[in-house]
Protein backbone atom coordinates (compact mmCIF):
# COMPACT_ATOMS: atom_id res chain seq x y z
CA UNK A 1 -1.74 -32.93 -12.97
CA UNK A 2 -2.33 -31.20 -9.64
CA UNK A 3 -1.01 -27.92 -11.04
CA UNK A 4 -3.42 -28.03 -13.98
CA UNK A 5 -6.31 -28.83 -11.63
CA UNK A 6 -5.36 -25.94 -9.36
CA UNK A 7 -5.17 -23.55 -12.28
CA UNK A 8 -8.55 -24.73 -13.54
CA UNK A 9 -10.14 -24.20 -10.15
CA UNK A 10 -8.55 -20.76 -9.85
CA UNK A 11 -9.76 -19.69 -13.28
CA UNK A 12 -13.21 -21.12 -12.58
CA UNK A 13 -13.40 -19.30 -9.26
CA UNK A 14 -12.24 -16.02 -10.80
CA UNK A 15 -14.76 -16.30 -13.63
CA UNK A 16 -17.60 -17.11 -11.25
CA UNK A 17 -16.64 -14.19 -8.98
CA UNK A 18 -16.46 -11.79 -11.90
CA UNK A 19 -20.02 -12.71 -12.85
CA UNK A 20 -21.27 -11.92 -9.36
CA UNK A 21 -19.44 -8.69 -8.56
CA UNK A 22 -21.63 -6.15 -6.80
CA UNK A 23 -21.27 -2.41 -7.35
CA UNK A 24 -22.98 0.05 -5.01
CA UNK A 25 -25.18 2.70 -6.64
CA UNK A 26 -23.37 5.89 -7.61
CA UNK A 27 -25.81 7.98 -5.57
CA UNK A 28 -26.90 7.45 -2.00
CA UNK A 29 -25.46 5.31 0.75
CA UNK A 30 -26.87 1.90 -0.18
CA UNK A 31 -24.32 -0.90 -0.11
CA UNK A 32 -25.11 -4.62 0.00
CA UNK A 33 -23.60 -6.65 2.80
CA UNK A 34 -22.91 -10.34 3.19
CA UNK A 35 -22.75 -12.32 6.43
CA UNK A 36 -19.19 -13.67 6.84
CA UNK A 37 -20.63 -16.89 8.23
CA UNK A 38 -22.30 -17.62 4.88
CA UNK A 39 -18.84 -17.39 3.30
CA UNK A 40 -17.56 -20.06 5.66
CA UNK A 41 -15.39 -17.56 7.52
CA UNK A 42 -14.35 -18.13 11.14
CA UNK A 43 -16.51 -15.42 12.66
CA UNK A 44 -15.27 -16.11 16.20
CA UNK A 45 -11.89 -14.71 15.09
CA UNK A 46 -13.31 -11.31 14.09
CA UNK A 47 -13.15 -9.79 17.62
CA UNK A 48 -9.39 -10.43 17.77
CA UNK A 49 -8.96 -8.67 14.42
CA UNK A 50 -11.01 -5.70 15.62
CA UNK A 51 -9.08 -5.57 18.90
CA UNK A 52 -5.80 -5.49 16.97
CA UNK A 53 -7.06 -2.63 14.84
CA UNK A 54 -8.32 -0.80 17.92
CA UNK A 55 -5.05 -0.93 19.86
CA UNK A 56 -3.26 0.24 16.71
CA UNK A 57 -5.20 3.53 16.55
CA UNK A 58 -7.53 2.64 13.69
CA UNK A 59 -10.53 4.76 12.79
CA UNK A 60 -12.20 2.76 10.01
CA UNK A 61 -11.90 -0.78 8.67
CA UNK A 62 -13.77 -2.40 5.80
CA UNK A 63 -13.50 -5.69 3.98
CA UNK A 64 -15.31 -6.21 0.67
CA UNK A 65 -15.88 -9.65 -0.83
CA UNK A 66 -16.87 -9.45 -4.51
CA UNK A 67 -17.94 -5.87 -3.85
CA UNK A 68 -20.20 -6.58 -0.87
CA UNK A 69 -19.32 -5.42 2.64
CA UNK A 70 -18.37 -8.34 4.88
CA UNK A 71 -16.80 -6.39 7.74
CA UNK A 72 -17.28 -2.69 8.49
CA UNK A 73 -16.16 -1.21 11.79
CA UNK A 74 -15.56 2.33 13.05
CA UNK A 75 -13.63 3.24 16.16
CA UNK A 76 -14.22 5.92 18.79
CA UNK A 77 -16.13 8.92 17.46
CA UNK A 78 -15.27 8.13 13.84
CA UNK A 79 -18.32 7.18 11.76
CA UNK A 80 -19.31 6.13 8.27
CA UNK A 81 -19.70 9.83 7.41
CA UNK A 82 -16.34 10.98 8.77
CA UNK A 83 -13.70 12.29 6.38
CA UNK A 84 -10.08 11.22 6.58
CA UNK A 85 -6.96 11.65 4.49
CA UNK A 86 -5.42 9.03 2.18
CA UNK A 87 -1.86 10.39 2.60
CA UNK A 88 0.44 8.58 0.15
CA UNK A 89 -2.25 6.02 -0.62
CA UNK A 90 -3.53 8.85 -2.80
CA UNK A 91 -0.49 8.28 -5.04
CA UNK A 92 -2.31 5.28 -6.49
CA UNK A 93 -5.30 7.48 -7.30
CA UNK A 94 -2.96 9.90 -9.04
CA UNK A 95 -1.50 7.04 -11.09
CA UNK A 96 -5.01 6.12 -12.25
CA UNK A 97 -5.71 9.74 -13.23
CA UNK A 98 -2.45 9.95 -15.21
CA UNK A 99 -3.46 6.81 -17.10
CA UNK A 100 -6.89 8.23 -17.82
CA UNK A 101 -5.38 11.48 -19.09
CA UNK A 102 -3.07 9.51 -21.38
CA UNK A 103 -5.98 7.41 -22.64
CA UNK A 104 -7.81 10.61 -23.56
CA UNK A 105 -4.81 11.90 -25.48
CA UNK A 106 -3.94 14.72 -23.09
CA UNK A 107 -0.45 13.43 -22.31
CA UNK A 108 2.11 10.70 -22.97
CA UNK A 109 3.97 9.28 -19.98
CA UNK A 110 7.08 8.94 -22.14
CA UNK A 111 7.18 12.71 -22.69
CA UNK A 112 9.62 14.87 -20.73
CA UNK A 113 7.94 16.19 -17.61
CA UNK A 114 9.04 19.68 -18.62
CA UNK A 115 6.59 19.49 -21.55
CA UNK A 116 3.86 19.93 -18.92
CA UNK A 117 5.65 21.61 -16.02
CA UNK A 118 7.70 24.05 -18.05
CA UNK A 119 11.46 24.46 -18.20
CA UNK A 120 13.14 25.08 -14.87
CA UNK A 121 10.87 23.00 -12.64
CA UNK A 122 14.09 21.56 -11.19
CA UNK A 123 17.53 23.02 -10.56
CA UNK A 124 19.07 20.51 -12.97
CA UNK A 125 20.76 21.50 -16.18
CA UNK A 126 18.39 21.66 -19.19
CA UNK A 127 19.84 18.38 -20.47
CA UNK A 128 19.41 16.63 -17.11
CA UNK A 129 15.89 17.99 -16.62
CA UNK A 130 14.84 17.11 -20.16
CA UNK A 131 15.71 13.46 -19.51
CA UNK A 132 13.11 13.15 -16.70
CA UNK A 133 9.81 11.77 -18.02
CA UNK A 134 6.34 11.43 -16.57
CA UNK A 135 7.02 7.70 -16.38
CA UNK A 136 10.00 8.42 -14.12
CA UNK A 137 7.69 10.38 -11.82
CA UNK A 138 5.25 7.45 -11.76
CA UNK A 139 7.97 4.93 -10.92
CA UNK A 140 10.03 6.97 -8.40
CA UNK A 141 13.04 6.89 -10.72
CA UNK A 142 13.57 10.59 -11.51
CA UNK A 143 17.12 10.51 -10.17
CA UNK A 144 16.44 13.70 -8.18
CA UNK A 145 18.14 13.87 -4.81
CA UNK A 146 15.89 12.74 -1.95
CA UNK A 147 18.55 13.62 0.62
CA UNK A 148 18.32 17.41 0.46
CA UNK A 149 16.51 17.60 3.81
CA UNK A 150 12.89 18.06 2.75
CA UNK A 151 11.49 15.36 0.50
CA UNK A 152 8.19 17.27 0.20
CA UNK A 153 9.70 20.51 -1.10
CA UNK A 154 8.75 21.17 -4.72
CA UNK A 155 10.74 24.38 -5.17
CA UNK A 156 13.29 24.04 -7.99
CA UNK A 157 16.11 24.59 -5.48
CA UNK A 158 15.02 21.41 -3.67
CA UNK A 159 14.91 19.30 -6.84
CA UNK A 160 18.55 18.58 -7.54
CA UNK A 161 20.26 16.10 -9.81
CA UNK A 162 21.72 12.99 -8.16
CA UNK A 163 21.57 10.26 -10.82
CA UNK A 164 20.39 9.73 -14.36
CA UNK A 165 16.64 9.04 -14.58
CA UNK A 166 15.83 5.34 -14.47
CA UNK A 167 19.06 4.34 -12.73
CA UNK A 168 18.01 4.86 -9.09
CA UNK A 169 14.77 4.12 -7.20
CA UNK A 170 13.97 6.37 -4.25
CA UNK A 171 10.66 7.10 -2.53
CA UNK A 172 10.77 10.84 -3.17
CA UNK A 173 7.52 12.66 -2.52
CA UNK A 174 8.20 15.96 -4.29
CA UNK A 175 8.58 14.66 -7.88
CA UNK A 176 5.39 12.65 -7.34
CA UNK A 177 3.56 15.79 -6.16
CA UNK A 178 4.54 17.52 -9.38
CA UNK A 179 2.34 15.00 -11.24
CA UNK A 180 -0.60 17.10 -10.03
CA UNK A 181 0.68 19.90 -12.24
CA UNK A 182 1.21 17.49 -15.12
CA UNK A 183 -2.44 16.40 -14.96
CA UNK A 184 -3.83 19.93 -14.57
CA UNK A 185 -1.72 21.40 -17.38
CA UNK A 186 -2.37 18.51 -19.76
CA UNK A 187 -6.13 18.32 -19.21
CA UNK A 188 -6.82 22.02 -18.67
CA UNK A 189 -8.80 21.07 -15.55
CA UNK A 190 -8.09 21.36 -11.85
CA UNK A 191 -7.23 18.11 -10.15
CA UNK A 192 -10.55 18.06 -8.29
CA UNK A 193 -12.50 18.77 -11.47
CA UNK A 194 -10.79 15.88 -13.21
CA UNK A 195 -11.62 13.55 -10.31
CA UNK A 196 -15.24 14.65 -10.43
CA UNK A 197 -15.59 14.26 -14.19
CA UNK A 198 -13.78 10.93 -14.50
CA UNK A 199 -14.51 9.15 -11.22
CA UNK A 200 -17.35 10.79 -9.29
CA UNK A 201 -19.73 10.77 -12.26
CA UNK A 202 -18.79 7.20 -13.25
CA UNK A 203 -18.30 5.42 -9.90
CA UNK A 204 -19.80 7.69 -7.24
CA UNK A 205 -16.36 8.17 -5.64
CA UNK A 206 -16.44 11.52 -3.87
CA UNK A 207 -13.62 13.31 -2.14
CA UNK A 208 -11.27 16.21 -2.70
CA UNK A 209 -7.61 17.09 -2.88
CA UNK A 210 -6.68 19.62 -0.19
CA UNK A 211 -3.42 21.55 -0.06
CA UNK A 212 -1.52 20.47 3.06
CA UNK A 213 1.90 22.10 3.14
CA UNK A 214 3.57 21.31 -0.18
CA UNK A 215 1.30 18.33 -0.77
CA UNK A 216 -2.10 17.82 -2.36
CA UNK A 217 -3.75 15.29 -0.05
CA UNK A 218 -6.95 13.44 -0.94
CA UNK A 219 -9.71 13.27 1.70
CA UNK A 220 -12.79 11.06 1.57
CA UNK A 221 -15.03 8.77 3.60
CA UNK A 222 -13.88 5.20 4.16
CA UNK A 223 -16.50 3.75 1.80
CA UNK A 224 -15.21 5.92 -1.01
CA UNK A 225 -11.70 4.63 -0.40
CA UNK A 226 -13.29 1.19 -0.83
CA UNK A 227 -14.99 2.29 -4.07
CA UNK A 228 -11.59 3.06 -5.54
CA UNK A 229 -10.37 -0.36 -4.43
CA UNK A 230 -13.33 -2.05 -6.11
CA UNK A 231 -12.66 -0.11 -9.33
CA UNK A 232 -9.01 -1.19 -9.16
CA UNK A 233 -9.95 -4.82 -8.51
CA UNK A 234 -12.13 -4.78 -11.63
CA UNK A 235 -9.31 -3.22 -13.68
CA UNK A 236 -11.06 0.04 -14.45
CA UNK A 237 -14.56 -1.37 -15.06
CA UNK A 238 -17.50 -0.15 -12.96
CA UNK A 239 -20.78 -2.02 -13.15
CA UNK A 240 -20.26 -2.83 -16.82
CA UNK A 241 -19.09 0.67 -17.78
CA UNK A 242 -15.51 1.22 -18.85
CA UNK A 243 -13.85 3.90 -16.73
CA UNK A 244 -10.34 3.12 -17.97
CA UNK A 245 -10.15 1.53 -21.39
CA UNK A 246 -6.34 1.32 -21.60
CA UNK A 247 -5.71 -2.22 -20.37
CA UNK A 248 -2.00 -1.97 -21.18
CA UNK A 249 -1.58 1.03 -18.90
CA UNK A 250 -3.60 -0.58 -16.11
CA UNK A 251 -1.53 -3.78 -16.27
CA UNK A 252 1.69 -1.78 -16.26
CA UNK A 253 0.42 0.18 -13.26
CA UNK A 254 0.02 -2.91 -11.07
CA UNK A 255 3.06 -4.91 -12.20
CA UNK A 256 6.78 -4.18 -11.62
CA UNK A 257 7.55 -0.91 -13.39
CA UNK A 258 11.33 -1.14 -13.28
CA UNK A 259 14.02 -3.62 -12.18
CA UNK A 260 15.32 -1.58 -9.23
CA UNK A 261 12.38 -2.19 -6.87
CA UNK A 262 10.34 -5.15 -8.06
CA UNK A 263 7.58 -4.35 -5.57
CA UNK A 264 6.67 -1.00 -7.11
CA UNK A 265 4.42 -0.36 -10.08
CA UNK A 266 3.09 3.03 -11.12
CA UNK A 267 2.67 4.42 -7.57
CA UNK A 268 1.18 1.08 -6.39
CA UNK A 269 2.95 -1.28 -3.96
CA UNK A 270 3.02 -4.86 -5.25
CA UNK A 271 3.05 -8.08 -3.31
CA UNK A 272 4.33 -11.46 -4.46
CA UNK A 273 7.72 -10.24 -5.68
CA UNK A 274 11.12 -11.69 -4.78
CA UNK A 275 12.35 -8.50 -3.11
CA UNK A 276 11.42 -4.93 -2.24
CA UNK A 277 12.81 -1.58 -1.20
CA UNK A 278 11.46 0.77 1.47
CA UNK A 279 11.45 4.57 1.79
CA UNK A 280 14.68 6.18 2.93
CA UNK A 281 16.95 3.21 2.23
CA UNK A 282 18.97 2.18 -0.79
CA UNK A 283 18.75 -1.48 0.20
CA UNK A 284 17.04 -4.32 -1.64
CA UNK A 285 15.38 -6.62 0.90
CA UNK A 286 14.65 -10.23 -0.12
CA UNK A 287 11.13 -11.61 0.25
CA UNK A 288 7.58 -10.33 -0.26
CA UNK A 289 6.56 -6.90 0.96
CA UNK A 290 3.50 -8.24 2.83
CA UNK A 291 4.13 -11.97 3.43
CA UNK A 292 0.67 -12.69 4.85
CA UNK A 293 -1.21 -11.05 1.97
CA UNK A 294 -2.01 -13.19 -1.09
CA UNK A 295 0.80 -12.81 -3.65
CA UNK A 296 -1.37 -11.13 -6.29
CA UNK A 297 -2.25 -8.23 -3.98
CA UNK A 298 -1.55 -4.66 -5.02
CA UNK A 299 -1.73 -1.92 -2.46
CA UNK A 300 -2.17 1.82 -1.94
CA UNK A 301 -0.23 2.64 1.22
CA UNK A 302 0.06 5.94 3.04
CA UNK A 303 1.56 7.55 6.10
CA UNK A 304 0.13 6.74 9.52
CA UNK A 305 -1.51 3.55 8.29
CA UNK A 306 -3.75 4.52 5.38
CA UNK A 307 -4.15 1.17 3.65
CA UNK A 308 -6.02 -0.09 0.61
CA UNK A 309 -5.34 -3.72 -0.36
CA UNK A 310 -6.74 -5.21 -3.57
CA UNK A 311 -6.62 -9.00 -4.07
CA UNK A 312 -8.33 -10.01 -7.34
CA UNK A 313 -7.82 -13.77 -6.87
CA UNK A 314 -9.99 -13.70 -3.74
CA UNK A 315 -12.29 -10.84 -4.71
CA UNK A 316 -11.15 -8.90 -1.66
CA UNK A 317 -10.73 -5.20 -1.00
CA UNK A 318 -9.43 -4.18 2.43
CA UNK A 319 -9.47 -0.61 3.80
CA UNK A 320 -7.88 0.72 6.96
CA UNK A 321 -7.87 4.39 7.94
CA UNK A 322 -6.53 5.89 11.14
CA UNK A 323 -3.57 7.26 13.03
CA UNK A 324 -0.13 5.72 13.22
CA UNK A 325 0.01 2.57 15.37
CA UNK A 326 3.24 3.82 16.93
CA UNK A 327 6.14 5.59 15.30
CA UNK A 328 5.03 7.23 12.07
CA UNK A 329 6.27 5.57 8.87
CA UNK A 330 5.61 6.72 5.29
CA UNK A 331 4.57 3.27 4.04
CA UNK A 332 2.73 1.03 6.56
CA UNK A 333 3.59 -2.38 5.11
CA UNK A 334 4.25 -3.86 8.58
CA UNK A 335 0.80 -2.82 9.81
CA UNK A 336 -0.72 -4.21 6.60
CA UNK A 337 1.03 -7.51 7.26
CA UNK A 338 -0.29 -7.60 10.82
CA UNK A 339 -3.82 -7.02 9.55
CA UNK A 340 -3.48 -9.81 6.99
CA UNK A 341 -2.16 -12.20 9.62
CA UNK A 342 -5.40 -11.82 11.51
CA UNK A 343 -7.65 -11.51 8.48
CA UNK A 344 -6.30 -14.84 7.22
CA UNK A 345 -7.46 -16.36 10.50
CA UNK A 346 -10.90 -14.82 10.02
CA UNK A 347 -11.07 -16.19 6.46
CA UNK A 348 -9.98 -19.55 7.92
CA UNK A 349 -6.77 -19.50 5.88
CA UNK A 350 -3.93 -21.70 7.11
CA UNK A 351 -1.25 -19.24 5.95
CA UNK A 352 -1.39 -16.87 8.91
CA UNK A 353 1.17 -16.85 11.72
CA UNK A 354 -0.53 -17.93 14.98
CA UNK A 355 -0.65 -16.04 18.25
CA UNK A 356 0.55 -12.61 17.20
CA UNK A 357 1.01 -9.97 19.87
CA UNK A 358 -1.34 -7.02 20.02
CA UNK A 359 0.81 -4.27 18.53
CA UNK A 360 4.17 -3.79 16.76
CA UNK A 361 6.57 -2.88 19.56
CA UNK A 362 10.01 -3.85 18.24
CA UNK A 363 12.22 -0.97 17.16
CA UNK A 364 14.01 0.41 15.27
CA UNK A 365 12.44 -0.78 12.02
CA UNK A 366 14.53 -1.49 10.06
CA UNK A 367 17.42 -2.39 12.38
CA UNK A 368 21.10 -2.78 11.57
CA UNK A 369 22.87 -4.05 14.72
CA UNK A 370 20.31 -4.43 17.54
CA UNK A 371 16.54 -4.64 17.93
CA UNK A 372 15.17 -3.10 21.12
CA UNK A 373 12.74 -5.51 22.77
CA UNK A 374 10.14 -4.34 25.36
CA UNK A 375 10.31 -5.66 28.90
CA UNK A 376 7.10 -7.59 28.36
CA UNK A 377 9.10 -10.03 26.22
CA UNK A 378 11.35 -10.91 29.13
CA UNK A 379 14.73 -9.22 29.67
CA UNK A 380 16.85 -12.38 29.23
CA UNK A 381 14.64 -14.82 27.43
CA UNK A 382 15.23 -17.61 24.91
CA UNK A 383 13.65 -16.93 21.53
CA UNK A 384 13.66 -17.96 17.90
CA UNK A 385 14.20 -15.90 14.78
CA UNK A 386 12.58 -17.20 11.59
CA UNK A 387 13.47 -15.92 8.12
CA UNK A 388 11.02 -15.66 5.24
CA UNK A 389 12.55 -18.75 3.62
CA UNK A 390 11.79 -20.88 6.68
CA UNK A 391 15.19 -20.94 8.43
CA UNK A 392 14.93 -20.85 12.24
CA UNK A 393 17.70 -19.65 14.55
CA UNK A 394 17.72 -20.03 18.34
CA UNK A 395 18.67 -16.71 19.97
CA UNK A 396 18.61 -15.04 23.38
CA UNK A 397 17.18 -11.64 24.25
CA UNK A 398 19.76 -10.03 26.51
CA UNK A 399 19.05 -6.92 28.57
CA UNK A 400 16.17 -5.93 26.34
CA UNK A 401 18.13 -6.24 23.10
CA UNK A 402 18.35 -8.77 20.28
CA UNK A 403 21.67 -8.82 18.44
CA UNK A 404 20.95 -8.92 14.69
CA UNK A 405 24.41 -7.85 13.49
CA UNK A 406 25.11 -11.30 12.03
CA UNK A 407 21.77 -11.60 10.24
CA UNK A 408 21.70 -10.94 6.48
CA UNK A 409 19.55 -8.09 5.21
CA UNK A 410 15.95 -9.24 5.05
CA UNK A 411 12.62 -9.78 6.80
CA UNK A 412 12.31 -11.92 9.95
CA UNK A 413 9.92 -12.97 12.70
CA UNK A 414 10.86 -12.99 16.37
CA UNK A 415 9.06 -15.74 18.30
CA UNK A 416 9.27 -15.91 22.09
CA UNK A 417 7.28 -16.08 25.32
CA UNK A 418 6.36 -12.92 27.18
CA UNK A 419 7.06 -12.50 30.86
CA UNK A 420 3.57 -13.85 31.63
CA UNK A 421 3.97 -16.88 29.34
CA UNK A 422 2.04 -15.63 26.31
CA UNK A 423 3.44 -16.72 22.95
CA UNK A 424 4.44 -13.68 20.85
CA UNK A 425 5.40 -13.48 17.18
CA UNK A 426 6.45 -10.16 15.67
CA UNK A 427 8.05 -9.15 12.40
CA UNK A 428 11.19 -7.02 12.05
CA UNK A 429 13.54 -5.96 9.26
CA UNK A 430 17.32 -5.89 8.98
CA UNK A 431 18.84 -3.34 6.60
CA UNK A 432 22.29 -1.77 6.33
């Protein structure tokens, strides 16, 4: 009975929210705001969230609730009018554009990629190359070797056969980048022209792809990053107008696209799955990608902490732009989790982990044998390690190291007291 009541309330809430979604005008800089206090949020927790973002080198942070701005903060000299790059978060924009091009009849994602890129776009044999489809590019399952030394290189010599398409998941940037050529060839338009015609004119999203090395990188203002999130939350609908009519493609884009990495759709990172893989490793890690984010969240994630989180069940869109919080990683899921830990506290959710330290300082991430622990934790201190399934193990930090060699592959939290007595909880990963 409780389950049915919960489902009824969830459906009722979703329906009510959908009726009250706000969309900013396509022209100008007008955007409605809402006071977080009127939402019942714990506003006294917002400074701690902003401090966390600040110490982690953030430049812009926005939270939308049903389309309205609840929190908007810029750091240092960065302003509402500053441009910044999306990095690999732009992959999710590319996925949307591929779906739109398919909807318009320009391409079919089940076609061989060579239909659009021409024969010889890889160094594979014609038979091997002909087996790679646009869908494989969307799902990171081309089977091309990501260990050749430069995962950005799109020269045919860099794109070598390793496995049959669809049999191996690997976060390989170069085959993704080649989707730009698929879109341009299929539509007969430049990538920026297609963005303008299909998104700028319909949603007001402005920005541009800029060639950076081998990559086409999308740049925009933070609010335009949020516009894309709002469009994604509303499943391709903008203020009553249909931007993407292909509901089947959209649903496939934000649900598991293959069985190798359940947390990956069509260039979107998915929460709420039983396991996930991360760039550079052929290891399946049990648990959710972002444990503190609601399970229905889908995310555009990019290097140095470019983050767009979309949570339809709560009507939330979260944007973070900035520099890397520490060591640069291609997919900032740990930073996203740290943001959600604190945002849950702001929203007055009981799911967040209390008393989190100010910045992620454990390394390496992931670890295999030992985790290096900063001196601020205490050089020989008692601690606890908690797994995602709730198991707690008493451990000791010895000489600045935590031995994790006996821990199974997975996601964990280290909980201890710092040298000055402050309670610290930080997440780390074990992979081998």
